[in-house]
Amino acid sequence: MIEYNRFVLPNGLRVIHHQDPDSTVVVLNTLFNVGARDEESSRTGFAHLFEHLMFGGSKNVSSYDKSVERAGGSNNAYTNYYITVPAENVETAFWLESDRMFLLDINDKSLEVQRGVVIEEFKQRCFSAPFGLLWHHVRSLVYKQSPYRWPTIGEDISHIENATLEDVAAFYQKHYHPANAILCVAGQITLEETKALCEKWYANIPSAGAVNLNQYNPEPEQEERRFLSETDLSPNPAVFLVWRGPAFSSPDSAALELFADLLGGSEISPLYVRLVKETALFNDAACFYMRGVGEGLFMLYGILNDSKTQEEGEAALLDVFQEALSGKTFTERDMERVKNKATTALLFEKATLINRAQKLCYFENLGHLEALEEENNQYREVSLHHMLNTATATFKQDRVSVLYYSPKQSE
């Protein structure tokens, strides 16, 4: 059980305190309630851009990284912005984190530098890597109205190339303020110390923008099979089948994660054994359920061997898939194995201070902090019958999005 205290500053900053007397460090993890789904369709990639801009310095800190190093700490970000320092240097962390929440130095130079970094990252990840544009294609195929229709890195590189200083500053003012943030302070620090330091460093920061209510255009139910054929830097032809699923907070979400692990989560799974080892149709075949705050995505895929067609591959994937849905593939013993695997992974996640801090912020942002302690039970309470019924209800043939990938022909 993760013990914690929770309080809210007058400016709206939600603070979660988790004391670990056995730790020698303190973690400050800040989660801003903003992401790709909060961007305008003509200005995507901004939330990702800020993962770089937030390290460019603030009004009172010319070099964030050097200040962290001098305090003997470390830091990073991926939606969560976190810093770890020795307990005796904890006030340095409060100073650094509060200063960039209040007075991030966004200027022409910092924007130009970080714009260049993000553009280069976009080129490397999307244009120079196998399956680099996979999630662009998948999301544009699956979503037609929802802001989930573009990935975190952005829909088009031109959106970052053409971003103005005014655009970026407005995004910061709108989303990066106390009332739209959650701060977790975890480690060798008491509740009294945490309250005093929060009062000193955060209480006077005004909330310049409104709280993000997380209200988005709902995506209509998909009622037809969708298809897209693309060429990319894939080494071999490939087939991807995608379905939308329930949000993280739904018990059905855990059921679909277990189903994905059973069906194609390892080299002993039916997908891999049947289609890679036995028939050699694919050189790789797997599936996974990507649980999300809004909703999840289930992906079933295979990378074909030479001389095999994508039509053959799709038929074979669906054959193994349908057999699993029929209830002929998995036993209660299989079910217990993947439940043990999932709950063990949760125990290891909570073993590190950073992961505990991030989980506390994540569940607070969901609006169900108390549900953190029920996370383990979400898996334990899924029965084989529930899992198969949920999968059958979700994976309808008229709701699938199919993507065929073909290697680009050499020029």
Protein backbone atom coordinates (compact mmCIF):
# COMPACT_ATOMS: atom_id res chain seq x y z
CA MET A 1 0.00 0.00 0.00
CA ILE A 2 1.31 3.47 -0.91
CA GLU A 3 0.57 5.87 1.96
CA TYR A 4 0.06 9.49 1.01
CA ASN A 5 -1.31 12.85 2.11
CA ARG A 6 -3.11 15.28 -0.16
CA PHE A 7 -3.68 19.03 0.07
CA VAL A 8 -4.51 21.89 -2.29
CA LEU A 9 -2.92 25.35 -2.32
CA PRO A 10 -5.17 28.43 -2.69
CA ASN A 11 -3.96 28.85 -6.31
CA GLY A 12 -5.32 25.41 -7.15
CA LEU A 13 -2.09 23.38 -7.16
CA ARG A 14 -2.86 19.86 -6.00
CA VAL A 15 -0.05 18.41 -3.88
CA ILE A 16 0.44 14.77 -2.94
CA HIS A 17 2.97 13.90 -0.26
CA HIS A 18 4.45 10.42 0.09
CA GLN A 19 7.04 9.91 2.81
CA ASP A 20 9.65 7.18 2.45
CA PRO A 21 11.99 7.35 5.46
CA ASP A 22 14.22 4.63 4.00
CA SER A 23 15.04 6.77 0.97
CA THR A 24 18.00 9.16 0.88
CA VAL A 25 16.48 11.32 -1.86
CA VAL A 26 13.38 13.34 -2.64
CA VAL A 27 11.48 13.27 -5.93
CA LEU A 28 9.37 16.15 -7.19
CA ASN A 29 7.11 14.97 -10.00
CA THR A 30 4.93 17.53 -11.76
CA LEU A 31 2.13 16.44 -14.04
CA PHE A 32 0.47 19.15 -16.13
CA ASN A 33 -3.01 18.22 -17.28
CA VAL A 34 -2.22 18.77 -20.95
CA GLY A 35 -1.35 16.58 -23.91
CA ALA A 36 -1.70 16.15 -27.63
CA ARG A 37 -5.47 15.99 -27.33
CA ASP A 38 -5.49 19.60 -26.05
CA GLU A 39 -3.85 20.98 -29.19
CA GLU A 40 -5.51 22.65 -32.15
CA SER A 41 -5.55 20.58 -35.34
CA SER A 42 -3.41 23.21 -37.07
CA ARG A 43 -0.93 23.45 -34.20
CA THR A 44 -0.01 19.92 -33.10
CA GLY A 45 3.15 18.77 -31.36
CA PHE A 46 3.13 21.65 -28.86
CA ALA A 47 2.89 19.46 -25.74
CA HIS A 48 5.90 17.51 -27.00
CA LEU A 49 7.74 20.73 -27.81
CA PHE A 50 7.30 21.80 -24.18
CA GLU A 51 9.01 18.64 -22.99
CA HIS A 52 12.09 20.32 -24.47
CA LEU A 53 11.33 24.00 -23.77
CA MET A 54 10.84 23.31 -20.06
CA PHE A 55 14.56 22.56 -19.78
CA GLY A 56 15.67 25.73 -21.58
CA GLY A 57 15.86 27.85 -18.46
CA SER A 58 13.58 30.22 -16.59
CA LYS A 59 13.81 33.88 -15.60
CA ASN A 60 15.93 33.15 -12.52
CA VAL A 61 17.67 29.98 -13.75
CA SER A 62 19.81 30.35 -16.84
CA SER A 63 20.66 26.64 -17.02
CA TYR A 64 18.22 24.19 -15.48
CA ASP A 65 20.41 21.12 -16.07
CA LYS A 66 23.54 22.69 -14.57
CA SER A 67 21.59 23.71 -11.47
CA VAL A 68 20.31 20.14 -11.08
CA GLU A 69 23.83 18.75 -11.47
CA ARG A 70 25.24 21.14 -8.85
CA ALA A 71 22.58 19.87 -6.43
CA GLY A 72 23.64 16.27 -7.12
CA GLY A 73 20.34 15.47 -8.80
CA SER A 74 18.91 14.09 -12.02
CA ASN A 75 15.86 14.93 -14.09
CA ASN A 76 13.83 14.05 -17.16
CA ALA A 77 10.35 14.38 -18.65
CA TYR A 78 7.70 12.58 -20.67
CA THR A 79 4.46 14.40 -19.83
CA ASN A 80 5.62 14.07 -16.21
CA TYR A 81 8.42 16.46 -15.29
CA TYR A 82 10.51 14.98 -12.53
CA ILE A 83 13.64 15.83 -10.55
CA THR A 84 15.46 13.71 -7.97
CA VAL A 85 17.84 15.32 -5.46
CA PRO A 86 19.56 14.28 -2.23
CA ALA A 87 17.21 15.00 0.67
CA GLU A 88 19.47 17.74 2.02
CA ASN A 89 19.16 19.64 -1.29
CA VAL A 90 15.39 19.39 -1.60
CA GLU A 91 14.82 23.15 -1.53
CA THR A 92 16.84 23.49 -4.73
CA ALA A 93 14.32 21.23 -6.44
CA PHE A 94 11.41 23.35 -5.18
CA TRP A 95 13.13 26.49 -6.46
CA LEU A 96 13.85 25.03 -9.91
CA GLU A 97 10.42 23.48 -10.44
CA SER A 98 8.42 26.46 -9.19
CA ASP A 99 10.47 28.92 -11.26
CA ARG A 100 9.80 27.16 -14.55
CA MET A 101 6.11 26.80 -13.70
CA PHE A 102 5.87 30.54 -13.08
CA LEU A 103 8.55 32.16 -15.21
CA LEU A 104 9.68 29.86 -17.99
CA ASP A 105 11.95 31.86 -20.29
CA ILE A 106 10.39 31.47 -23.72
CA ASN A 107 12.25 33.68 -26.15
CA ASP A 108 13.23 33.65 -29.81
CA LYS A 109 16.55 31.94 -29.10
CA SER A 110 15.20 29.18 -26.85
CA LEU A 111 12.33 28.50 -29.24
CA GLU A 112 14.66 28.30 -32.21
CA VAL A 113 17.02 25.91 -30.44
CA GLN A 114 14.30 23.56 -29.19
CA ARG A 115 12.36 23.81 -32.45
CA GLY A 116 15.47 22.49 -34.21
CA VAL A 117 15.80 19.62 -31.72
CA VAL A 118 12.15 18.62 -32.12
CA ILE A 119 12.25 18.84 -35.93
CA GLU A 120 15.34 16.65 -36.02
CA GLU A 121 13.66 14.17 -33.67
CA PHE A 122 10.59 14.13 -35.92
CA LYS A 123 12.74 13.42 -38.98
CA GLN A 124 14.70 10.66 -37.26
CA ARG A 125 11.71 8.93 -35.70
CA CYS A 126 9.17 9.38 -38.47
CA PHE A 127 11.09 9.61 -41.75
CA SER A 128 14.27 7.60 -41.09
CA ALA A 129 13.11 4.62 -39.03
CA PRO A 130 11.17 1.47 -40.01
CA PHE A 131 7.43 1.96 -39.42
CA GLY A 132 8.22 5.57 -38.44
CA LEU A 133 4.83 6.91 -39.55
CA LEU A 134 2.87 3.93 -38.24
CA TRP A 135 1.02 5.83 -35.52
CA HIS A 136 0.27 8.72 -37.86
CA HIS A 137 -1.42 6.28 -40.23
CA VAL A 138 -3.15 4.29 -37.49
CA ARG A 139 -4.56 7.31 -35.70
CA SER A 140 -5.75 9.03 -38.86
CA LEU A 141 -7.48 5.79 -39.87
CA VAL A 142 -9.11 5.06 -36.51
CA TYR A 143 -10.11 8.61 -35.54
CA LYS A 144 -11.94 11.10 -37.74
CA GLN A 145 -13.16 13.72 -35.23
CA SER A 146 -11.35 13.12 -31.94
CA PRO A 147 -8.09 14.95 -31.11
CA TYR A 148 -6.60 11.47 -30.66
CA ARG A 149 -6.24 11.45 -34.45
CA TRP A 150 -2.64 12.70 -34.25
CA PRO A 151 0.28 11.29 -32.19
CA THR A 152 2.11 13.12 -29.42
CA ILE A 153 4.99 14.10 -31.67
CA GLY A 154 2.55 16.02 -33.88
CA GLU A 155 0.54 15.45 -37.02
CA ASP A 156 2.77 17.41 -39.39
CA ILE A 157 6.31 18.69 -39.01
CA SER A 158 5.25 22.07 -40.43
CA HIS A 159 3.20 22.79 -37.30
CA ILE A 160 6.40 23.12 -35.28
CA GLU A 161 8.34 24.69 -38.13
CA ASN A 162 5.76 27.48 -38.38
CA ALA A 163 5.06 27.92 -34.66
CA THR A 164 5.46 31.54 -33.58
CA LEU A 165 6.68 32.80 -30.23
CA GLU A 166 3.17 34.12 -29.58
CA ASP A 167 1.63 30.69 -30.31
CA VAL A 168 3.99 28.94 -27.93
CA ALA A 169 3.68 31.54 -25.15
CA ALA A 170 -0.12 31.33 -25.35
CA PHE A 171 0.00 27.52 -25.02
CA TYR A 172 2.21 27.90 -21.93
CA GLN A 173 -0.07 30.47 -20.31
CA LYS A 174 -3.13 28.36 -20.97
CA HIS A 175 -1.89 25.03 -19.63
CA TYR A 176 1.26 25.34 -17.49
CA HIS A 177 -0.02 26.93 -14.28
CA PRO A 178 -0.79 25.71 -10.74
CA ALA A 179 -4.51 25.05 -11.12
CA ASN A 180 -3.78 22.76 -14.06
CA ALA A 181 -0.96 20.87 -12.35
CA ILE A 182 -0.36 18.11 -9.83
CA LEU A 183 2.81 18.00 -7.75
CA CYS A 184 3.93 14.87 -5.95
CA VAL A 185 6.68 15.23 -3.34
CA ALA A 186 8.03 11.81 -2.39
CA GLY A 187 10.94 10.50 -0.36
CA GLN A 188 12.75 11.48 2.82
CA ILE A 189 10.60 14.49 3.64
CA THR A 190 7.84 15.04 6.19
CA LEU A 191 4.38 16.41 5.50
CA GLU A 192 5.19 19.53 7.54
CA GLU A 193 8.36 20.19 5.52
CA THR A 194 6.44 19.65 2.28
CA LYS A 195 3.68 22.08 3.26
CA ALA A 196 6.19 24.73 4.31
CA LEU A 197 8.22 24.46 1.09
CA CYS A 198 5.09 24.44 -1.08
CA GLU A 199 3.85 27.54 0.69
CA LYS A 200 7.22 29.26 0.21
CA TRP A 201 7.83 28.39 -3.44
CA TYR A 202 4.42 27.74 -5.03
CA ALA A 203 1.70 29.59 -3.13
CA ASN A 204 2.40 32.96 -4.76
CA ILE A 205 2.32 31.67 -8.33
CA PRO A 206 -0.93 32.91 -9.92
CA SER A 207 -3.10 30.58 -11.97
CA ALA A 208 -3.18 32.48 -15.23
CA GLY A 209 -5.38 30.04 -17.11
CA ALA A 210 -8.46 27.93 -16.56
CA VAL A 211 -8.46 24.35 -15.34
CA ASN A 212 -8.51 21.83 -18.18
CA LEU A 213 -11.88 20.08 -17.89
CA ASN A 214 -10.79 17.28 -20.24
CA GLN A 215 -13.82 17.65 -22.47
CA TYR A 216 -13.24 16.57 -26.05
CA ASN A 217 -15.24 15.82 -29.15
CA PRO A 218 -16.28 12.18 -28.80
CA GLU A 219 -15.39 9.89 -31.66
CA PRO A 220 -18.52 8.26 -33.14
CA GLU A 221 -18.72 4.49 -33.01
CA GLN A 222 -16.97 2.89 -35.95
CA GLU A 223 -19.45 0.82 -37.93
CA GLU A 224 -17.41 -0.22 -40.97
CA ARG A 225 -14.14 -1.92 -41.78
CA ARG A 226 -11.56 0.72 -42.66
CA PHE A 227 -8.56 0.06 -44.86
CA LEU A 228 -5.34 1.87 -45.73
CA SER A 229 -2.33 0.76 -47.75
CA GLU A 230 0.98 2.60 -47.27
CA THR A 231 4.64 2.28 -48.18
CA ASP A 232 7.31 2.96 -45.58
CA LEU A 233 10.79 1.93 -44.52
CA SER A 234 9.43 -1.42 -43.35
CA PRO A 235 11.87 -4.29 -43.95
CA ASN A 236 9.07 -6.60 -45.14
CA PRO A 237 5.37 -6.30 -45.91
CA ALA A 238 3.28 -6.09 -42.75
CA VAL A 239 -0.34 -6.21 -41.62
CA PHE A 240 -1.78 -4.21 -38.70
CA LEU A 241 -5.32 -4.69 -37.35
CA VAL A 242 -6.58 -2.11 -34.84
CA TRP A 243 -9.67 -1.78 -32.67
CA ARG A 244 -10.74 0.95 -30.24
CA GLY A 245 -11.39 -0.09 -26.67
CA PRO A 246 -12.47 1.22 -23.25
CA ALA A 247 -10.57 3.74 -21.14
CA PHE A 248 -8.01 2.88 -18.46
CA SER A 249 -10.51 3.28 -15.60
CA SER A 250 -12.85 0.62 -16.98
CA PRO A 251 -12.49 -2.96 -15.66
CA ASP A 252 -12.87 -4.09 -19.26
CA SER A 253 -9.61 -2.33 -20.05
CA ALA A 254 -7.68 -4.67 -17.75
CA ALA A 255 -9.50 -7.65 -19.29
CA LEU A 256 -8.36 -6.65 -22.79
CA GLU A 257 -4.79 -6.16 -21.62
CA LEU A 258 -4.78 -9.71 -20.25
CA PHE A 259 -6.32 -11.02 -23.47
CA ALA A 260 -3.61 -9.34 -25.54
CA ASP A 261 -0.88 -10.79 -23.36
CA LEU A 262 -2.34 -14.28 -23.65
CA LEU A 263 -2.88 -14.10 -27.39
CA GLY A 264 0.35 -12.48 -28.50
CA GLY A 265 2.43 -11.11 -25.66
CA SER A 266 5.36 -13.54 -25.82
CA GLU A 267 7.12 -16.17 -27.93
CA ILE A 268 4.99 -18.90 -26.31
CA SER A 269 1.73 -17.19 -27.25
CA PRO A 270 -0.60 -18.74 -29.86
CA LEU A 271 0.07 -15.99 -32.38
CA TYR A 272 3.82 -16.45 -32.32
CA VAL A 273 3.80 -20.25 -32.09
CA ARG A 274 1.27 -20.76 -34.87
CA LEU A 275 2.27 -18.05 -37.32
CA VAL A 276 6.02 -17.71 -36.77
CA LYS A 277 7.30 -21.05 -35.51
CA GLU A 278 4.89 -23.50 -37.13
CA THR A 279 3.79 -21.99 -40.45
CA ALA A 280 6.63 -19.48 -40.95
CA LEU A 281 4.13 -17.10 -42.49
CA PHE A 282 5.51 -14.24 -40.41
CA ASN A 283 8.93 -13.47 -38.98
CA ASP A 284 7.16 -11.69 -36.11
CA ALA A 285 3.58 -11.63 -34.87
CA ALA A 286 2.20 -10.11 -31.68
CA CYS A 287 -0.55 -8.00 -30.17
CA PHE A 288 -0.98 -5.56 -27.30
CA TYR A 289 -3.60 -3.35 -25.68
CA MET A 290 -2.46 0.23 -25.18
CA ARG A 291 -4.52 1.50 -22.26
CA GLY A 292 -5.26 5.23 -22.32
CA VAL A 293 -6.91 7.92 -20.23
CA GLY A 294 -9.55 8.55 -22.90
CA GLU A 295 -9.76 5.16 -24.55
CA GLY A 296 -7.47 2.31 -25.50
CA LEU A 297 -6.22 0.80 -28.73
CA PHE A 298 -5.79 -2.90 -29.41
CA MET A 299 -3.25 -3.75 -32.11
CA LEU A 300 -2.76 -7.15 -33.71
CA TYR A 301 0.08 -7.33 -36.24
CA GLY A 302 2.46 -9.50 -38.20
CA ILE A 303 5.56 -8.86 -40.32
CA LEU A 304 5.50 -11.20 -43.30
CA ASN A 305 8.26 -13.39 -44.64
CA ASP A 306 9.29 -13.09 -48.29
CA SER A 307 6.80 -14.25 -50.92
CA LYS A 308 3.84 -14.08 -48.52
CA THR A 309 0.98 -11.70 -49.29
CA GLN A 310 -0.74 -9.29 -46.95
CA GLU A 311 -4.09 -10.87 -47.74
CA GLU A 312 -2.72 -14.24 -46.55
CA GLY A 313 -1.34 -12.57 -43.47
CA GLU A 314 -4.59 -10.84 -42.54
CA ALA A 315 -6.56 -14.07 -42.96
CA ALA A 316 -4.09 -16.01 -40.79
CA LEU A 317 -4.08 -13.38 -38.04
CA LEU A 318 -7.87 -13.36 -37.95
CA ASP A 319 -8.01 -17.16 -37.91
CA VAL A 320 -5.91 -17.40 -34.73
CA PHE A 321 -7.77 -14.42 -33.31
CA GLN A 322 -11.23 -15.88 -33.87
CA GLU A 323 -10.21 -19.23 -32.44
CA ALA A 324 -9.06 -17.49 -29.27
CA LEU A 325 -12.36 -15.60 -29.02
CA SER A 326 -14.27 -18.86 -29.32
CA GLY A 327 -12.86 -20.02 -25.98
CA LYS A 328 -10.94 -22.99 -27.39
CA THR A 329 -7.45 -21.60 -26.79
CA PHE A 330 -7.04 -20.50 -23.17
CA THR A 331 -7.46 -22.32 -19.86
CA GLU A 332 -7.89 -21.15 -16.28
CA ARG A 333 -4.23 -21.96 -15.75
CA ASP A 334 -3.27 -19.64 -18.64
CA MET A 335 -5.43 -16.95 -17.09
CA GLU A 336 -3.74 -17.28 -13.72
CA ARG A 337 -0.32 -17.05 -15.37
CA VAL A 338 -0.97 -13.70 -17.07
CA LYS A 339 -2.69 -12.29 -13.99
CA ASN A 340 0.37 -13.17 -11.93
CA LYS A 341 2.57 -11.57 -14.56
CA ALA A 342 0.52 -8.34 -14.53
CA THR A 343 0.35 -8.05 -10.74
CA THR A 344 4.07 -8.81 -10.36
CA ALA A 345 4.84 -6.03 -12.85
CA LEU A 346 2.78 -3.64 -10.69
CA LEU A 347 4.78 -4.60 -7.61
CA PHE A 348 8.06 -3.90 -9.40
CA GLU A 349 6.70 -0.56 -10.68
CA LYS A 350 5.93 0.56 -7.15
CA ALA A 351 9.38 -0.46 -5.93
CA THR A 352 10.98 2.75 -7.20
CA LEU A 353 10.28 6.17 -5.73
CA ILE A 354 9.92 7.87 -9.13
CA ASN A 355 7.32 5.36 -10.29
CA ARG A 356 5.33 5.78 -7.08
CA ALA A 357 5.36 9.57 -7.49
CA GLN A 358 4.25 9.31 -11.11
CA LYS A 359 1.49 6.85 -10.33
CA LEU A 360 0.15 9.09 -7.58
CA CYS A 361 0.01 12.00 -10.03
CA TYR A 362 -1.55 9.85 -12.75
CA PHE A 363 -4.41 8.57 -10.59
CA GLU A 364 -5.00 12.03 -9.13
CA ASN A 365 -5.32 13.33 -12.68
CA LEU A 366 -7.85 10.59 -13.42
CA GLY A 367 -9.86 11.93 -10.50
CA HIS A 368 -9.61 8.63 -8.60
CA LEU A 369 -6.49 8.72 -6.44
CA GLU A 370 -7.95 6.08 -4.16
CA ALA A 371 -8.20 3.72 -7.15
CA LEU A 372 -4.43 3.32 -7.13
CA GLU A 373 -4.78 0.68 -4.43
CA GLU A 374 -7.39 -1.13 -6.51
CA GLU A 375 -5.11 -1.40 -9.56
CA ASN A 376 -3.93 -4.85 -8.54
CA ASN A 377 -7.50 -6.04 -8.00
CA GLN A 378 -8.48 -4.90 -11.50
CA TYR A 379 -6.41 -7.78 -12.83
CA ARG A 380 -7.14 -10.29 -10.07
CA GLU A 381 -10.92 -9.94 -10.48
CA VAL A 382 -10.97 -10.61 -14.24
CA SER A 383 -12.33 -14.07 -14.93
CA LEU A 384 -11.71 -16.06 -18.10
CA HIS A 385 -15.40 -15.71 -18.93
CA HIS A 386 -15.34 -11.92 -18.44
CA MET A 387 -12.20 -11.57 -20.53
CA LEU A 388 -13.58 -13.55 -23.48
CA ASN A 389 -16.96 -11.81 -23.35
CA THR A 390 -15.29 -8.39 -23.29
CA ALA A 391 -13.00 -9.28 -26.18
CA THR A 392 -15.87 -10.68 -28.24
CA ALA A 393 -17.98 -7.57 -27.68
CA THR A 394 -15.08 -5.25 -28.56
CA PHE A 395 -13.47 -6.92 -31.55
CA LYS A 396 -16.20 -6.86 -34.16
CA GLN A 397 -15.21 -7.31 -37.79
CA ASP A 398 -17.14 -4.18 -38.78
CA ARG A 399 -15.09 -2.11 -36.30
CA VAL A 400 -11.60 -3.06 -37.38
CA SER A 401 -9.11 -0.70 -39.03
CA VAL A 402 -6.67 -2.50 -41.33
CA LEU A 403 -3.32 -1.15 -42.42
CA TYR A 404 -1.12 -2.83 -45.03
CA TYR A 405 2.53 -1.74 -45.02
CA SER A 406 4.79 -2.33 -48.00
CA PRO A 407 8.53 -1.60 -48.24
CA LYS A 408 9.49 1.40 -50.34
CA GLN A 409 11.08 0.38 -53.60
CA SER A 410 14.73 1.45 -53.81
CA GLU A 411 15.33 4.27 -56.24
